[in-house]
Amino acid sequence: MPFTPLHMGPGILIKSVLQGSFSLMLFGWAQILMDIQPLLVMISGEGELHGFSHTYIGATGLGLLAALTGKYLAEEILKRSSAAHYSRLPIRWPTALSSALIGSYSHVLLDSLMHYDIQPLWPFYEDNQLLSLVTISQLQQFCLYSGLLGAALYFLVIKIGRSD
């Protein structure tokens, strides 16, 4: 998948369902952290494109890092934005942790469906049983449509909430 934007689709859908119990900013921050290793490999030309960071063990560490570094960053951004009145501040630690871990785990899952070099269950299994279960086009459509559906549901819930 071409870096983070398509990964955000499922996150937007999750946000529409969980609303204030899910931080889309922390989910997105986890997506960015997940793609730092592949970016460095692409720049340097050295190393495994989808190495340890794209295993569930690596995703756990990166998810925890995203929660720890992103919680206060997201809160500060929300405080300074005009959207802050829609958010529950501060972001609670369970919300921060679950949002970041969902972000990092979903990243591995989605990338496992299309990248041959991912070993998501390493060191227990060195193969990728998820590879090619769906076409790349189907995967991209899923990500795009889940984001569109999520955005529509999110704003519908807000509109219904305002009419009470």
C-alpha atoms as a PDB file:
ATOM      1  CA  MET A   1       0.000   0.000   0.000  1.00  0.00           C
ATOM      2  CA  PRO A   2       1.396   3.416  -0.817  1.00  0.00           C
ATOM      3  CA  PHE A   3       2.206   4.520   2.672  1.00  0.00           C
ATOM      4  CA  THR A   4      -0.320   5.780   5.177  1.00  0.00           C
ATOM      5  CA  PRO A   5      -3.327   7.374   3.390  1.00  0.00           C
ATOM      6  CA  LEU A   6      -5.129   4.180   2.395  1.00  0.00           C
ATOM      7  CA  HIS A   7      -4.517   2.678   5.819  1.00  0.00           C
ATOM      8  CA  MET A   8      -6.603   5.490   7.286  1.00  0.00           C
ATOM      9  CA  GLY A   9      -9.848   4.273   5.678  1.00  0.00           C
ATOM     10  CA  PRO A  10     -10.518   1.485   8.179  1.00  0.00           C
ATOM     11  CA  GLY A  11      -9.488   3.856  10.989  1.00  0.00           C
ATOM     12  CA  ILE A  12     -12.116   6.365   9.922  1.00  0.00           C
ATOM     13  CA  LEU A  13     -14.736   3.605   9.987  1.00  0.00           C
ATOM     14  CA  ILE A  14     -13.625   2.530  13.477  1.00  0.00           C
ATOM     15  CA  LYS A  15     -13.779   6.168  14.620  1.00  0.00           C
ATOM     16  CA  SER A  16     -17.352   6.477  13.330  1.00  0.00           C
ATOM     17  CA  VAL A  17     -18.405   3.533  15.476  1.00  0.00           C
ATOM     18  CA  LEU A  18     -16.377   4.189  18.635  1.00  0.00           C
ATOM     19  CA  GLN A  19     -16.476   8.023  18.466  1.00  0.00           C
ATOM     20  CA  GLY A  20     -14.788   9.410  21.616  1.00  0.00           C
ATOM     21  CA  SER A  21     -13.431   6.008  22.650  1.00  0.00           C
ATOM     22  CA  PHE A  22     -11.061   6.001  19.667  1.00  0.00           C
ATOM     23  CA  SER A  23      -8.425   8.521  18.621  1.00  0.00           C
ATOM     24  CA  LEU A  24      -8.030   8.780  14.869  1.00  0.00           C
ATOM     25  CA  MET A  25      -4.952  10.936  15.434  1.00  0.00           C
ATOM     26  CA  LEU A  26      -3.217   8.212  17.443  1.00  0.00           C
ATOM     27  CA  PHE A  27      -4.294   5.601  14.895  1.00  0.00           C
ATOM     28  CA  GLY A  28      -2.742   7.775  12.166  1.00  0.00           C
ATOM     29  CA  TRP A  29       0.411   8.397  14.199  1.00  0.00           C
ATOM     30  CA  ALA A  30       0.845   4.623  14.508  1.00  0.00           C
ATOM     31  CA  GLN A  31       0.462   4.317  10.724  1.00  0.00           C
ATOM     32  CA  ILE A  32       3.243   6.852  10.210  1.00  0.00           C
ATOM     33  CA  LEU A  33       5.584   5.146  12.669  1.00  0.00           C
ATOM     34  CA  MET A  34       4.949   1.791  10.976  1.00  0.00           C
ATOM     35  CA  ASP A  35       6.158   3.129   7.642  1.00  0.00           C
ATOM     36  CA  ILE A  36       9.366   4.776   8.877  1.00  0.00           C
ATOM     37  CA  GLN A  37      11.415   1.584   8.470  1.00  0.00           C
ATOM     38  CA  PRO A  38      10.270   0.953   4.863  1.00  0.00           C
ATOM     39  CA  LEU A  39      10.881   4.620   4.072  1.00  0.00           C
ATOM     40  CA  LEU A  40      14.449   4.434   5.409  1.00  0.00           C
ATOM     41  CA  VAL A  41      15.077   1.276   3.379  1.00  0.00           C
ATOM     42  CA  MET A  42      13.726   2.952   0.245  1.00  0.00           C
ATOM     43  CA  ILE A  43      15.966   5.978   0.801  1.00  0.00           C
ATOM     44  CA  SER A  44      19.119   4.050   1.688  1.00  0.00           C
ATOM     45  CA  GLY A  45      18.569   1.002  -0.518  1.00  0.00           C
ATOM     46  CA  GLU A  46      19.718  -1.201   2.373  1.00  0.00           C
ATOM     47  CA  GLY A  47      17.806  -3.575   4.638  1.00  0.00           C
ATOM     48  CA  GLU A  48      14.507  -5.417   4.453  1.00  0.00           C
ATOM     49  CA  LEU A  49      11.668  -3.308   3.113  1.00  0.00           C
ATOM     50  CA  HIS A  50       9.101  -4.783   5.488  1.00  0.00           C
ATOM     51  CA  GLY A  51      11.227  -6.182   8.260  1.00  0.00           C
ATOM     52  CA  PHE A  52      10.680  -6.447  11.986  1.00  0.00           C
ATOM     53  CA  SER A  53       8.385  -3.415  12.080  1.00  0.00           C
ATOM     54  CA  HIS A  54       5.848  -5.339   9.992  1.00  0.00           C
ATOM     55  CA  THR A  55       5.541  -8.287  12.376  1.00  0.00           C
ATOM     56  CA  TYR A  56       2.969  -8.351  15.161  1.00  0.00           C
ATOM     57  CA  ILE A  57       5.780  -8.244  17.714  1.00  0.00           C
ATOM     58  CA  GLY A  58       7.260  -5.162  16.046  1.00  0.00           C
ATOM     59  CA  ALA A  59       3.789  -3.640  15.690  1.00  0.00           C
ATOM     60  CA  THR A  60       3.236  -4.075  19.425  1.00  0.00           C
ATOM     61  CA  GLY A  61       6.365  -2.068  20.197  1.00  0.00           C
ATOM     62  CA  LEU A  62       5.543   0.599  17.629  1.00  0.00           C
ATOM     63  CA  GLY A  63       1.939   0.781  18.854  1.00  0.00           C
ATOM     64  CA  LEU A  64       3.125   1.351  22.410  1.00  0.00           C
ATOM     65  CA  LEU A  65       5.590   3.973  21.181  1.00  0.00           C
ATOM     66  CA  ALA A  66       2.803   5.665  19.208  1.00  0.00           C
ATOM     67  CA  ALA A  67       0.590   5.787  22.298  1.00  0.00           C
ATOM     68  CA  LEU A  68       3.348   7.143  24.535  1.00  0.00           C
ATOM     69  CA  THR A  69       4.556   9.796  22.097  1.00  0.00           C
ATOM     70  CA  GLY A  70       1.267  10.583  20.423  1.00  0.00           C
ATOM     71  CA  LYS A  71      -1.114  11.040  23.361  1.00  0.00           C
ATOM     72  CA  TYR A  72       0.155  14.442  24.428  1.00  0.00           C
ATOM     73  CA  LEU A  73       0.919  15.523  20.878  1.00  0.00           C
ATOM     74  CA  ALA A  74      -2.659  14.733  19.808  1.00  0.00           C
ATOM     75  CA  GLU A  75      -4.096  16.508  22.856  1.00  0.00           C
ATOM     76  CA  GLU A  76      -2.069  19.615  22.081  1.00  0.00           C
ATOM     77  CA  ILE A  77      -3.163  19.620  18.459  1.00  0.00           C
ATOM     78  CA  LEU A  78      -6.797  19.189  19.490  1.00  0.00           C
ATOM     79  CA  LYS A  79      -6.549  22.008  22.040  1.00  0.00           C
ATOM     80  CA  ARG A  80      -5.251  24.352  19.354  1.00  0.00           C
ATOM     81  CA  SER A  81      -7.751  23.325  16.691  1.00  0.00           C
ATOM     82  CA  SER A  82     -11.280  24.506  16.169  1.00  0.00           C
ATOM     83  CA  ALA A  83     -12.422  20.873  16.338  1.00  0.00           C
ATOM     84  CA  ALA A  84     -11.508  20.583  20.018  1.00  0.00           C
ATOM     85  CA  HIS A  85     -15.115  20.941  21.166  1.00  0.00           C
ATOM     86  CA  TYR A  86     -15.925  17.661  19.390  1.00  0.00           C
ATOM     87  CA  SER A  87     -13.226  15.784  21.247  1.00  0.00           C
ATOM     88  CA  ARG A  88     -13.017  14.416  24.736  1.00  0.00           C
ATOM     89  CA  LEU A  89      -9.895  15.860  26.302  1.00  0.00           C
ATOM     90  CA  PRO A  90      -7.710  14.644  27.757  1.00  0.00           C
ATOM     91  CA  ILE A  91      -7.364  11.468  25.729  1.00  0.00           C
ATOM     92  CA  ARG A  92      -7.572   8.654  28.260  1.00  0.00           C
ATOM     93  CA  TRP A  93      -4.707   6.157  28.339  1.00  0.00           C
ATOM     94  CA  PRO A  94      -6.913   3.177  27.433  1.00  0.00           C
ATOM     95  CA  THR A  95      -8.121   5.120  24.380  1.00  0.00           C
ATOM     96  CA  ALA A  96      -4.576   6.104  23.449  1.00  0.00           C
ATOM     97  CA  LEU A  97      -3.271   2.550  23.798  1.00  0.00           C
ATOM     98  CA  SER A  98      -6.123   0.849  21.988  1.00  0.00           C
ATOM     99  CA  SER A  99      -6.132   3.386  19.142  1.00  0.00           C
ATOM    100  CA  ALA A 100      -2.395   3.104  18.570  1.00  0.00           C
ATOM    101  CA  LEU A 101      -2.372  -0.696  18.807  1.00  0.00           C
ATOM    102  CA  ILE A 102      -5.340  -1.014  16.453  1.00  0.00           C
ATOM    103  CA  GLY A 103      -3.391   1.246  14.105  1.00  0.00           C
ATOM    104  CA  SER A 104      -0.204  -0.786  14.184  1.00  0.00           C
ATOM    105  CA  TYR A 105      -1.905  -4.201  14.067  1.00  0.00           C
ATOM    106  CA  SER A 106      -4.233  -3.214  11.228  1.00  0.00           C
ATOM    107  CA  HIS A 107      -1.203  -1.915   9.345  1.00  0.00           C
ATOM    108  CA  VAL A 108       0.466  -5.330   9.515  1.00  0.00           C
ATOM    109  CA  LEU A 109      -2.782  -7.077   8.559  1.00  0.00           C
ATOM    110  CA  LEU A 110      -3.431  -4.889   5.514  1.00  0.00           C
ATOM    111  CA  ASP A 111       0.179  -4.989   4.329  1.00  0.00           C
ATOM    112  CA  SER A 112       0.255  -8.773   4.807  1.00  0.00           C
ATOM    113  CA  LEU A 113      -2.439  -9.092   2.172  1.00  0.00           C
ATOM    114  CA  MET A 114      -0.276  -7.548  -0.537  1.00  0.00           C
ATOM    115  CA  HIS A 115       3.462  -7.598   0.261  1.00  0.00           C
ATOM    116  CA  TYR A 116       5.403 -10.804  -0.325  1.00  0.00           C
ATOM    117  CA  ASP A 117       8.212  -9.893   2.075  1.00  0.00           C
ATOM    118  CA  ILE A 118       6.099  -9.636   5.246  1.00  0.00           C
ATOM    119  CA  GLN A 119       6.328 -12.317   7.908  1.00  0.00           C
ATOM    120  CA  PRO A 120       3.560 -11.122  10.262  1.00  0.00           C
ATOM    121  CA  LEU A 121       3.860 -13.977  12.777  1.00  0.00           C
ATOM    122  CA  TRP A 122       7.666 -14.055  12.894  1.00  0.00           C
ATOM    123  CA  PRO A 123       9.448 -15.679  14.803  1.00  0.00           C
ATOM    124  CA  PHE A 124       6.761 -18.363  15.095  1.00  0.00           C
ATOM    125  CA  TYR A 125       6.075 -18.659  11.361  1.00  0.00           C
ATOM    126  CA  GLU A 126       8.235 -17.370   8.547  1.00  0.00           C
ATOM    127  CA  ASP A 127       5.592 -17.482   5.844  1.00  0.00           C
ATOM    128  CA  ASN A 128       2.706 -15.146   5.087  1.00  0.00           C
ATOM    129  CA  GLN A 129      -0.549 -17.080   4.817  1.00  0.00           C
ATOM    130  CA  LEU A 130      -2.510 -13.888   4.060  1.00  0.00           C
ATOM    131  CA  LEU A 131      -0.622 -12.944   0.906  1.00  0.00           C
ATOM    132  CA  SER A 132      -2.906 -12.603  -2.095  1.00  0.00           C
ATOM    133  CA  LEU A 133      -6.139 -13.588  -0.314  1.00  0.00           C
ATOM    134  CA  VAL A 134      -7.596 -10.551  -2.072  1.00  0.00           C
ATOM    135  CA  THR A 135      -6.352  -8.596  -5.041  1.00  0.00           C
ATOM    136  CA  ILE A 136      -4.535  -5.329  -4.534  1.00  0.00           C
ATOM    137  CA  SER A 137      -7.436  -3.562  -6.209  1.00  0.00           C
ATOM    138  CA  GLN A 138      -9.926  -5.167  -3.800  1.00  0.00           C
ATOM    139  CA  LEU A 139      -7.769  -4.209  -0.829  1.00  0.00           C
ATOM    140  CA  GLN A 140      -7.471  -0.608  -1.973  1.00  0.00           C
ATOM    141  CA  GLN A 141     -11.215  -0.435  -2.626  1.00  0.00           C
ATOM    142  CA  PHE A 142     -11.901  -1.798   0.858  1.00  0.00           C
ATOM    143  CA  CYS A 143      -9.699   0.874   2.410  1.00  0.00           C
ATOM    144  CA  LEU A 144     -11.207   3.667   0.324  1.00  0.00           C
ATOM    145  CA  TYR A 145     -14.834   2.596   0.797  1.00  0.00           C
ATOM    146  CA  SER A 146     -14.423   1.959   4.526  1.00  0.00           C
ATOM    147  CA  GLY A 147     -13.076   5.509   4.862  1.00  0.00           C
ATOM    148  CA  LEU A 148     -15.971   6.984   2.890  1.00  0.00           C
ATOM    149  CA  LEU A 149     -18.534   4.968   4.862  1.00  0.00           C
ATOM    150  CA  GLY A 150     -16.829   5.888   8.115  1.00  0.00           C
ATOM    151  CA  ALA A 151     -16.830   9.601   7.286  1.00  0.00           C
ATOM    152  CA  ALA A 152     -20.526   9.509   6.385  1.00  0.00           C
ATOM    153  CA  LEU A 153     -21.420   7.631   9.579  1.00  0.00           C
ATOM    154  CA  TYR A 154     -19.262   9.916  11.728  1.00  0.00           C
ATOM    155  CA  PHE A 155     -20.958  13.071  10.504  1.00  0.00           C
ATOM    156  CA  LEU A 156     -24.378  11.426  10.690  1.00  0.00           C
ATOM    157  CA  VAL A 157     -23.815  10.558  14.359  1.00  0.00           C
ATOM    158  CA  ILE A 158     -22.678  14.142  15.044  1.00  0.00           C
ATOM    159  CA  LYS A 159     -25.745  15.550  13.270  1.00  0.00           C
ATOM    160  CA  ILE A 160     -28.085  13.255  15.201  1.00  0.00           C
ATOM    161  CA  GLY A 161     -26.321  14.171  18.452  1.00  0.00           C
ATOM    162  CA  ARG A 162     -26.803  17.894  17.796  1.00  0.00           C
ATOM    163  CA  SER A 163     -30.520  17.504  17.180  1.00  0.00           C
ATOM    164  CA  ASP A 164     -31.131  16.136  20.700  1.00  0.00           C
END
